[in-house]
C-alpha atoms as a PDB file:
ATOM      1  CA  MET A   1      19.439   4.733   0.176  1.00  0.00           C
ATOM      2  CA  ALA A   2      16.582   5.066  -2.307  1.00  0.00           C
ATOM      3  CA  TRP A   3      14.511   8.181  -2.926  1.00  0.00           C
ATOM      4  CA  HIS A   4      10.773   8.109  -2.178  1.00  0.00           C
ATOM      5  CA  ASN A   5       7.810  10.073  -3.496  1.00  0.00           C
ATOM      6  CA  TRP A   6       5.043  11.050  -1.073  1.00  0.00           C
ATOM      7  CA  PHE A   7       1.593  11.787  -2.483  1.00  0.00           C
ATOM      8  CA  ARG A   8      -2.099  11.621  -1.637  1.00  0.00           C
ATOM      9  CA  ASP A   9      -4.226   9.105  -3.505  1.00  0.00           C
ATOM     10  CA  GLU A  10      -7.774   9.711  -4.763  1.00  0.00           C
ATOM     11  CA  CYS A  11      -9.171   9.030  -1.278  1.00  0.00           C
ATOM     12  CA  GLY A  12      -6.810  11.545   0.335  1.00  0.00           C
ATOM     13  CA  LYS A  13      -4.663   8.896   1.998  1.00  0.00           C
ATOM     14  CA  LYS A  14      -0.946   9.715   2.225  1.00  0.00           C
ATOM     15  CA  CYS A  15       1.168   7.166   0.302  1.00  0.00           C
ATOM     16  CA  LYS A  16       4.860   6.610  -0.332  1.00  0.00           C
ATOM     17  CA  VAL A  17       6.417   5.043  -3.417  1.00  0.00           C
ATOM     18  CA  SER A  18      10.080   4.262  -3.879  1.00  0.00           C
ATOM     19  CA  THR A  19      11.725   5.485  -7.076  1.00  0.00           C
ATOM     20  CA  ARG A  20      14.256   2.632  -6.737  1.00  0.00           C
ATOM     21  CA  THR A  21      17.055   5.037  -7.619  1.00  0.00           C
ATOM     22  CA  LYS A  22      19.987   6.377  -5.646  1.00  0.00           C
ATOM     23  CA  LEU A  23      20.798   9.382  -7.818  1.00  0.00           C
ATOM     24  CA  LYS A  24      18.812  12.583  -7.547  1.00  0.00           C
ATOM     25  CA  GLY A  25      18.710  13.096 -11.328  1.00  0.00           C
ATOM     26  CA  GLU A  26      17.214   9.655 -11.873  1.00  0.00           C
ATOM     27  CA  THR A  27      14.685  10.412  -9.151  1.00  0.00           C
ATOM     28  CA  TYR A  28      13.488  13.516 -10.985  1.00  0.00           C
ATOM     29  CA  GLN A  29      13.092  11.483 -14.158  1.00  0.00           C
ATOM     30  CA  ALA A  30      11.111   8.821 -12.287  1.00  0.00           C
ATOM     31  CA  LEU A  31       9.001  11.564 -10.732  1.00  0.00           C
ATOM     32  CA  ALA A  32       8.190  12.983 -14.165  1.00  0.00           C
ATOM     33  CA  ASN A  33       6.945   9.556 -15.280  1.00  0.00           C
ATOM     34  CA  PHE A  34       5.048   8.860 -12.073  1.00  0.00           C
ATOM     35  CA  LYS A  35       1.275   8.906 -12.651  1.00  0.00           C
ATOM     36  CA  GLY A  36       0.261   8.995  -8.987  1.00  0.00           C
ATOM     37  CA  LEU A  37       1.077  12.693  -8.787  1.00  0.00           C
ATOM     38  CA  ALA A  38      -0.750  13.696 -11.940  1.00  0.00           C
ATOM     39  CA  LYS A  39      -3.539  16.107 -11.155  1.00  0.00           C
ATOM     40  CA  GLN A  40      -6.956  14.866 -12.087  1.00  0.00           C
ATOM     41  CA  ASP A  41      -9.651  17.223 -13.260  1.00  0.00           C
ATOM     42  CA  PRO A  42     -12.183  17.826 -10.504  1.00  0.00           C
ATOM     43  CA  LYS A  43     -15.613  16.336 -11.002  1.00  0.00           C
ATOM     44  CA  SER A  44     -18.169  18.982 -11.884  1.00  0.00           C
ATOM     45  CA  ILE A  45     -21.694  18.599 -10.511  1.00  0.00           C
ATOM     46  CA  SER A  46     -24.728  20.837 -10.491  1.00  0.00           C
ATOM     47  CA  LEU A  47     -25.988  22.591  -7.390  1.00  0.00           C
ATOM     48  CA  LYS A  48     -29.040  20.334  -7.406  1.00  0.00           C
ATOM     49  CA  GLU A  49     -26.849  17.193  -7.382  1.00  0.00           C
ATOM     50  CA  PHE A  50     -24.686  18.676  -4.621  1.00  0.00           C
ATOM     51  CA  THR A  51     -27.798  19.379  -2.552  1.00  0.00           C
ATOM     52  CA  THR A  52     -29.083  15.832  -2.992  1.00  0.00           C
ATOM     53  CA  GLU A  53     -25.726  14.234  -2.087  1.00  0.00           C
ATOM     54  CA  SER A  54     -25.151  16.575   0.854  1.00  0.00           C
ATOM     55  CA  LEU A  55     -28.580  15.969   2.357  1.00  0.00           C
ATOM     56  CA  ALA A  56     -28.207  12.204   1.946  1.00  0.00           C
ATOM     57  CA  TYR A  57     -24.900  12.345   3.814  1.00  0.00           C
ATOM     58  CA  ALA A  58     -26.270  14.684   6.476  1.00  0.00           C
ATOM     59  CA  SER A  59     -29.342  12.542   7.130  1.00  0.00           C
ATOM     60  CA  ALA A  60     -27.122   9.510   7.714  1.00  0.00           C
ATOM     61  CA  THR A  61     -24.707  11.426   9.937  1.00  0.00           C
ATOM     62  CA  TYR A  62     -26.481  14.219  11.814  1.00  0.00           C
ATOM     63  CA  SER A  63     -29.631  14.768  13.864  1.00  0.00           C
ATOM     64  CA  ILE A  64     -32.962  15.660  12.262  1.00  0.00           C
ATOM     65  CA  ALA A  65     -32.693  19.285  13.425  1.00  0.00           C
ATOM     66  CA  LYS A  66     -29.238  19.647  11.849  1.00  0.00           C
ATOM     67  CA  VAL A  67     -30.464  18.086   8.576  1.00  0.00           C
ATOM     68  CA  ASP A  68     -33.384  20.542   8.498  1.00  0.00           C
ATOM     69  CA  MET A  69     -30.938  23.419   8.981  1.00  0.00           C
ATOM     70  CA  TYR A  70     -28.857  22.159   6.034  1.00  0.00           C
ATOM     71  CA  ARG A  71     -31.992  21.699   3.932  1.00  0.00           C
ATOM     72  CA  ARG A  72     -33.099  25.294   4.560  1.00  0.00           C
ATOM     73  CA  THR A  73     -29.623  26.663   3.864  1.00  0.00           C
ATOM     74  CA  LEU A  74     -29.222  24.727   0.638  1.00  0.00           C
ATOM     75  CA  SER A  75     -32.729  25.597  -0.586  1.00  0.00           C
ATOM     76  CA  ASN A  76     -31.966  29.291   0.029  1.00  0.00           C
ATOM     77  CA  SER A  77     -28.750  28.884  -1.983  1.00  0.00           C
ATOM     78  CA  ILE A  78     -30.649  27.378  -4.890  1.00  0.00           C
ATOM     79  CA  CYS A  79     -33.232  30.171  -4.843  1.00  0.00           C
ATOM     80  CA  GLU A  80     -30.523  32.850  -4.783  1.00  0.00           C
ATOM     81  CA  SER A  81     -28.547  31.218  -7.612  1.00  0.00           C
ATOM     82  CA  ASN A  82     -31.599  31.427  -9.898  1.00  0.00           C
ATOM     83  CA  LEU A  83     -31.755  35.240  -9.601  1.00  0.00           C
END
């Protein structure tokens, strides 16, 4: 029986990787060297970029009325953040 590491990749998909070890101690050592579990720094974007990306996604996914609602909400957020 080999030990396995479960993790989520950059797309959020659940993945399993075998450590190819049978001993728990060796598994912990393999886990320490495993790069798939290393936390990556989150990407930082401005509110303006977020608005642009969100509205592009919404216009491709939702109805025109829903996109207008998002546009109004996000424009109000931008105006309030400048205060």
